[in-house]
Protein backbone atom coordinates (compact mmCIF):
# COMPACT_ATOMS: atom_id res chain seq x y z
CA MET A 1 16.20 7.55 -14.93
CA ILE A 2 12.52 8.41 -15.33
CA PRO A 3 10.84 8.95 -11.93
CA LYS A 4 8.07 6.43 -11.31
CA ALA A 5 5.00 6.07 -9.12
CA GLU A 6 2.99 2.93 -8.41
CA LEU A 7 -0.64 2.68 -7.33
CA HIS A 8 -1.40 -1.04 -7.68
CA CYS A 9 0.74 -3.62 -5.87
CA HIS A 10 -0.29 -6.25 -3.33
CA LEU A 11 1.83 -6.55 -0.20
CA GLU A 12 1.95 -10.35 -0.04
CA GLY A 13 2.22 -10.52 -3.83
CA SER A 14 5.45 -8.53 -3.71
CA VAL A 15 7.43 -11.21 -1.83
CA PRO A 16 10.30 -12.48 -4.03
CA PRO A 17 11.34 -16.16 -3.68
CA GLY A 18 14.50 -15.28 -1.76
CA LEU A 19 12.57 -13.34 0.86
CA ALA A 20 9.98 -16.14 1.13
CA ARG A 21 12.79 -18.56 1.95
CA GLU A 22 14.25 -16.11 4.48
CA LEU A 23 10.90 -15.61 6.25
CA ALA A 24 10.20 -19.34 6.32
CA ALA A 25 13.59 -20.03 7.90
CA ARG A 26 13.13 -17.24 10.42
CA ASN A 27 9.75 -18.63 11.46
CA GLY A 28 10.92 -22.25 11.54
CA LEU A 29 8.71 -23.30 8.65
CA ASP A 30 9.19 -25.60 5.69
CA LEU A 31 8.17 -24.12 2.36
CA PRO A 32 5.48 -26.15 0.60
CA HIS A 33 6.67 -28.72 -1.93
CA GLY A 34 6.27 -27.51 -5.51
CA LEU A 35 6.20 -23.82 -4.64
CA PHE A 36 9.24 -23.16 -6.84
CA GLY A 37 10.04 -24.38 -10.34
CA ALA A 38 13.40 -25.61 -11.58
CA ASN A 39 14.40 -22.02 -12.36
CA GLY A 40 13.77 -20.90 -8.78
CA HIS A 41 10.68 -18.87 -9.69
CA TYR A 42 7.21 -19.44 -8.25
CA ALA A 43 5.57 -22.33 -10.06
CA TRP A 44 2.02 -21.89 -11.36
CA THR A 45 0.24 -22.52 -14.66
CA ASP A 46 -3.12 -20.71 -14.63
CA PHE A 47 -5.12 -18.24 -12.58
CA LEU A 48 -6.30 -20.78 -10.00
CA SER A 49 -2.82 -22.24 -9.52
CA PHE A 50 -1.46 -18.69 -9.22
CA LEU A 51 -3.92 -18.03 -6.39
CA ASP A 52 -2.84 -21.28 -4.73
CA SER A 53 0.82 -20.33 -5.05
CA TYR A 54 0.05 -16.85 -3.66
CA ASP A 55 -1.72 -18.36 -0.63
CA ARG A 56 1.15 -20.75 0.03
CA VAL A 57 3.62 -17.85 0.06
CA CYS A 58 1.35 -16.08 2.55
CA GLY A 59 1.75 -19.12 4.79
CA VAL A 60 5.30 -18.05 5.71
CA LEU A 61 3.98 -14.86 7.36
CA ARG A 62 3.56 -15.28 11.09
CA LYS A 63 4.55 -12.09 12.91
CA PRO A 64 3.98 -8.34 12.54
CA ARG A 65 7.66 -7.92 11.68
CA ASP A 66 7.21 -10.15 8.64
CA PHE A 67 4.66 -7.79 7.07
CA GLY A 68 6.85 -4.78 7.78
CA ASP A 69 9.93 -6.43 6.31
CA ILE A 70 8.04 -7.23 3.10
CA LEU A 71 6.99 -3.61 2.66
CA TYR A 72 10.45 -2.24 3.47
CA SER A 73 12.08 -4.68 1.04
CA TYR A 74 9.67 -3.72 -1.74
CA LEU A 75 10.18 -0.02 -1.23
CA GLN A 76 13.95 -0.53 -1.31
CA ARG A 77 13.73 -2.36 -4.65
CA SER A 78 11.29 0.18 -6.09
CA ALA A 79 13.44 3.14 -5.07
CA ALA A 80 16.41 1.54 -6.84
CA GLU A 81 14.32 1.61 -10.04
CA GLY A 82 13.47 5.27 -9.66
CA ALA A 83 10.17 5.08 -7.81
CA VAL A 84 9.36 8.16 -5.75
CA TYR A 85 5.95 7.01 -4.49
CA VAL A 86 4.14 3.69 -3.91
CA GLU A 87 0.64 2.89 -2.70
CA MET A 88 0.51 -0.66 -1.36
CA PHE A 89 -2.60 -2.83 -1.10
CA CYS A 90 -2.63 -4.36 2.38
CA SER A 91 -5.30 -6.78 3.63
CA PRO A 92 -6.00 -6.75 7.39
CA GLU A 93 -7.69 -10.15 6.95
CA ARG A 94 -4.40 -12.10 6.96
CA PRO A 95 -2.95 -10.71 10.20
CA LYS A 96 -6.40 -11.00 11.77
CA ALA A 97 -6.43 -14.73 10.99
CA LEU A 98 -3.06 -15.00 12.75
CA GLY A 99 -4.39 -13.25 15.84
CA ILE A 100 -2.36 -10.08 15.21
CA PRO A 101 -4.27 -6.96 16.33
CA TYR A 102 -4.93 -4.40 13.62
CA ALA A 103 -2.98 -1.68 15.42
CA VAL A 104 0.07 -3.91 15.86
CA TRP A 105 0.06 -4.99 12.21
CA LEU A 106 -0.40 -1.41 11.05
CA GLY A 107 2.41 -0.27 13.32
CA ALA A 108 4.82 -2.62 11.58
CA LEU A 109 3.81 -1.23 8.17
CA VAL A 110 4.06 2.38 9.34
CA ASP A 111 7.55 1.71 10.67
CA ALA A 112 8.54 0.24 7.28
CA VAL A 113 7.27 3.36 5.47
CA ASP A 114 9.22 5.62 7.81
CA ARG A 115 12.42 3.57 7.51
CA ALA A 116 12.17 3.45 3.73
CA ARG A 117 11.74 7.22 3.54
CA ARG A 118 14.79 7.71 5.74
CA ASP A 119 16.95 5.12 3.97
CA PHE A 120 15.91 5.46 0.32
CA GLY A 121 14.01 8.74 -0.01
CA ILE A 122 10.83 7.02 -1.23
CA GLU A 123 7.34 7.90 0.00
CA ALA A 124 4.57 5.33 0.50
CA ARG A 125 0.96 5.13 1.63
CA LEU A 126 -1.34 2.18 2.36
CA ILE A 127 -4.66 1.06 0.90
CA ALA A 128 -6.67 -1.26 3.15
CA ILE A 129 -8.35 -3.83 0.94
CA CYS A 130 -11.31 -6.06 1.62
CA ILE A 131 -11.64 -9.42 -0.12
CA ARG A 132 -14.64 -9.50 -2.43
CA HIS A 133 -15.47 -13.19 -2.13
CA LEU A 134 -15.51 -12.95 1.69
CA GLY A 135 -18.64 -10.86 1.36
CA PRO A 136 -20.09 -7.42 2.15
CA ASP A 137 -20.34 -7.94 5.92
CA ARG A 138 -16.60 -8.56 6.25
CA ALA A 139 -15.92 -5.56 4.03
CA LEU A 140 -18.08 -3.31 6.20
CA ALA A 141 -16.38 -4.58 9.37
CA LEU A 142 -13.00 -3.80 7.82
CA ALA A 143 -14.10 -0.29 6.82
CA GLN A 144 -15.44 0.31 10.32
CA GLN A 145 -12.11 -0.68 11.87
CA VAL A 146 -10.09 1.49 9.51
CA VAL A 147 -12.35 4.45 10.29
CA ALA A 148 -12.31 3.76 14.05
CA GLU A 149 -8.50 3.55 14.15
CA PRO A 150 -7.42 6.17 11.59
CA HIS A 151 -3.83 6.70 10.55
CA PRO A 152 -2.55 9.30 8.05
CA TYR A 153 -0.71 6.59 6.08
CA VAL A 154 -3.93 4.59 5.50
CA VAL A 155 -5.39 6.68 2.72
CA ALA A 156 -8.01 4.55 0.98
CA LEU A 157 -10.29 1.53 0.86
CA GLY A 158 -9.87 -0.95 -1.96
CA MET A 159 -11.19 -4.38 -2.89
CA GLY A 160 -9.58 -7.40 -4.55
CA GLY A 161 -10.70 -10.99 -4.86
CA ASP A 162 -13.04 -12.85 -7.21
CA GLU A 163 -14.82 -10.38 -9.52
CA GLY A 164 -17.53 -12.97 -10.09
CA LYS A 165 -18.76 -12.91 -6.49
CA PHE A 166 -21.37 -10.37 -5.35
CA THR A 167 -21.90 -6.99 -7.03
CA PRO A 168 -20.30 -3.61 -6.35
CA ALA A 169 -23.64 -2.39 -4.99
CA ASP A 170 -23.43 -5.04 -2.25
CA PHE A 171 -20.36 -3.23 -0.91
CA ALA A 172 -21.86 0.27 -1.02
CA PRO A 173 -22.20 0.53 2.80
CA ALA A 174 -18.47 -0.14 3.30
CA TYR A 175 -17.44 2.27 0.57
CA ARG A 176 -19.89 4.95 1.68
CA LEU A 177 -18.47 4.79 5.21
CA ALA A 178 -14.92 5.09 3.91
CA TYR A 179 -15.78 7.94 1.55
CA GLU A 180 -17.69 9.91 4.18
CA ASN A 181 -14.67 9.67 6.47
CA GLY A 182 -12.26 11.11 3.92
CA LEU A 183 -10.74 7.93 2.51
CA GLY A 184 -10.08 7.42 -1.20
CA CYS A 185 -11.86 4.58 -2.98
CA THR A 186 -10.70 2.12 -5.62
CA ILE A 187 -11.80 -1.37 -6.71
CA HIS A 188 -10.55 -4.18 -8.93
CA ALA A 189 -12.82 -4.39 -11.99
CA GLY A 190 -12.55 -4.92 -15.73
CA GLU A 191 -9.82 -7.52 -15.45
CA VAL A 192 -11.35 -11.00 -15.47
CA ARG A 193 -14.82 -9.57 -16.08
CA GLY A 194 -15.76 -7.25 -18.92
CA PRO A 195 -16.83 -3.60 -19.18
CA GLU A 196 -20.05 -4.30 -17.30
CA SER A 197 -18.03 -4.77 -14.11
CA VAL A 198 -16.52 -1.30 -14.50
CA TRP A 199 -19.92 0.24 -15.25
CA ALA A 200 -21.30 -1.33 -12.05
CA ALA A 201 -18.36 -0.06 -10.00
CA ILE A 202 -18.56 3.55 -11.16
CA ARG A 203 -22.37 3.55 -10.93
CA ASP A 204 -22.70 2.14 -7.42
CA LEU A 205 -19.50 3.10 -5.57
CA PRO A 206 -17.71 6.44 -4.95
CA VAL A 207 -14.54 5.28 -6.71
CA THR A 208 -12.12 7.61 -8.47
CA ARG A 209 -9.84 4.80 -9.67
CA ILE A 210 -10.29 1.32 -11.09
CA GLY A 211 -7.79 -1.48 -10.43
CA HIS A 212 -6.85 -2.86 -13.88
CA GLY A 213 -9.93 -1.75 -15.83
CA VAL A 214 -8.35 -2.78 -19.13
CA ARG A 215 -11.54 -4.42 -20.37
CA SER A 216 -13.00 -0.90 -20.53
CA SER A 217 -11.30 -0.73 -23.92
CA GLU A 218 -14.07 -2.95 -25.28
CA ASP A 219 -16.77 -0.30 -24.74
CA PRO A 220 -16.34 3.14 -26.38
CA LYS A 221 -19.18 4.60 -24.30
CA LEU A 222 -17.46 3.48 -21.12
CA LEU A 223 -14.21 5.07 -22.22
CA GLU A 224 -16.06 8.34 -22.79
CA GLU A 225 -17.58 8.12 -19.32
CA LEU A 226 -14.21 7.42 -17.68
CA VAL A 227 -12.76 10.46 -19.45
CA ARG A 228 -15.74 12.62 -18.49
CA ARG A 229 -15.41 11.68 -14.81
CA GLY A 230 -11.62 11.73 -14.75
CA ILE A 231 -11.53 8.18 -13.37
CA ALA A 232 -8.06 6.66 -13.60
CA LEU A 233 -7.11 3.09 -14.45
CA GLU A 234 -4.36 1.29 -12.51
CA VAL A 235 -3.04 -0.67 -15.49
CA CYS A 236 -0.72 -3.66 -14.97
CA PRO A 237 0.28 -4.98 -18.42
CA GLY A 238 2.77 -7.59 -17.18
CA SER A 239 0.11 -9.11 -14.93
CA ASN A 240 -2.48 -9.14 -17.72
CA LEU A 241 -0.08 -10.90 -20.09
CA ALA A 242 1.11 -13.43 -17.51
CA LEU A 243 -2.47 -14.39 -16.63
CA GLY A 244 -3.42 -14.78 -20.30
CA LEU A 245 -5.85 -11.88 -20.62
CA TYR A 246 -4.00 -10.96 -23.81
CA PRO A 247 -1.81 -13.24 -25.95
CA GLU A 248 0.99 -10.73 -26.54
CA ARG A 249 2.00 -7.18 -25.73
CA ALA A 250 0.82 -5.87 -29.11
CA ALA A 251 -2.71 -6.99 -28.21
CA HIS A 252 -2.74 -5.20 -24.87
CA PRO A 253 -4.99 -2.09 -24.88
CA LEU A 254 -2.58 0.21 -22.97
CA HIS A 255 -1.91 2.43 -25.99
CA ARG A 256 -5.59 2.51 -27.00
CA LEU A 257 -6.57 3.57 -23.51
CA ILE A 258 -4.04 6.41 -23.56
CA GLU A 259 -5.16 7.51 -27.03
CA SER A 260 -8.78 7.57 -25.85
CA GLY A 261 -7.85 10.17 -23.22
CA VAL A 262 -8.40 7.93 -20.18
CA ARG A 263 -6.09 8.67 -17.25
CA VAL A 264 -3.70 5.71 -17.06
CA THR A 265 -1.03 4.66 -14.58
CA LEU A 266 1.46 1.76 -14.68
CA SER A 267 1.91 -0.81 -11.91
CA SER A 268 3.27 -4.30 -11.31
CA ASP A 269 0.42 -5.99 -9.32
CA ASP A 270 2.22 -9.11 -7.97
CA PRO A 271 5.66 -8.59 -9.50
CA PRO A 272 7.69 -11.72 -8.61
CA PHE A 273 4.82 -13.99 -9.60
CA PHE A 274 4.57 -12.34 -13.01
CA HIS A 275 8.33 -11.90 -13.60
CA THR A 276 8.06 -8.13 -13.69
CA THR A 277 8.92 -5.01 -11.70
CA LEU A 278 7.71 -1.43 -11.76
CA GLY A 279 10.82 -0.54 -13.75
CA ALA A 280 10.11 -3.29 -16.26
CA GLU A 281 6.55 -2.04 -16.70
CA TYR A 282 7.87 1.39 -17.66
CA ASP A 283 10.61 -0.10 -19.86
CA ASN A 284 8.25 -2.47 -21.70
CA ALA A 285 5.35 -0.07 -22.20
CA GLY A 286 6.54 1.01 -25.64
CA LEU A 287 6.09 4.68 -24.76
CA ASP A 288 8.48 7.62 -25.13
CA ALA A 289 10.07 9.36 -22.16
CA ALA A 290 7.66 12.30 -22.23
CA THR A 291 4.62 10.00 -22.09
CA LEU A 292 6.14 7.96 -19.28
CA ARG A 293 6.79 11.12 -17.27
CA LYS A 294 3.18 12.13 -17.87
CA ILE A 295 2.05 8.73 -16.54
CA THR A 296 4.08 9.32 -13.38
CA ARG A 297 2.53 12.76 -12.97
CA THR A 298 -0.92 11.27 -13.49
CA ALA A 299 -0.24 8.61 -10.87
CA ILE A 300 0.75 11.24 -8.33
CA GLU A 301 -2.24 13.45 -9.20
CA VAL A 302 -4.76 10.60 -8.81
CA SER A 303 -3.01 9.08 -5.80
CA PHE A 304 -4.68 9.19 -2.41
CA ALA A 305 -1.74 11.00 -0.82
CA GLU A 306 -2.32 14.25 1.03
CA GLN A 307 -2.14 17.40 -1.11
CA SER A 308 1.10 18.63 0.45
CA LEU A 309 2.87 15.40 -0.45
CA LYS A 310 1.43 15.45 -3.96
CA ALA A 311 2.75 18.94 -4.50
CA LYS A 312 6.20 17.96 -3.25
CA LEU A 313 6.32 14.85 -5.46
CA LEU A 314 5.06 16.67 -8.55
CA LYS A 315 7.70 19.34 -8.07
CA GLY A 316 10.35 16.65 -7.90
CA VAL A 317 9.07 14.92 -11.04
CA ALA A 318 9.06 18.22 -12.93
CA ALA A 319 12.63 18.93 -11.86
């Protein structure tokens, strides 16, 4: 089995239907009508209905333990597919809305990472993400909290949400604070919006990775700049296809990005919503074993893990 590493997965987006039912029952909640289709999968038809379905799944989360159980469950499933390392996007906004203190929420996630390492031999780190459409002030407040309450497992600041709201420059204060305090930086761009969103991100923010970034393939000059800077793309083909960015796998730019020399990694984004897994992303990439191993090495190299852990993981991948 080819060893794998994942850099782009959302905590709440990793909840499979069975676990959603289990959490709802544990918290005495009824799952919303229409959440599941006849086949038992999450039911949605387009990007907006996907976001609605995602939010309704988040409604079953009530306690710190719930967040920890989601992470532990995902790491268990990933390890079974050969994953040696996962970076998980985690938004402090959701527990905050529930009245869960940041330290308590983080403690549940840290415990899940430690248990997964002990039980499955997989390593994991956390990326705190702000929500773009909630605005720059909320992003700065989040960055300030992460910096004020540091933990070695929280290794970076990221941003998801609506690419059409605000500009990367609006979030420069949050990213500058994170960067100056030793955190890695990544941002979703070049998914729904075109190459201009990636240009803006790499011009105005200290990012070394781009979440998705597949629309960079439309601009040869941008590809050259990404190669020159060594900026990596967290590519999620299954997500892109499910959301209709590309009509079929043959149209997806994964291979063109690799051929251009851009550093590329493979991830699953919101796997149960898009009927994929990290293992499926590797299996369906249409790449030979040597290239897939190189992608894993690249993911570890551009990860935000500490250097000692990178060295250990790279040694394991080589072996």
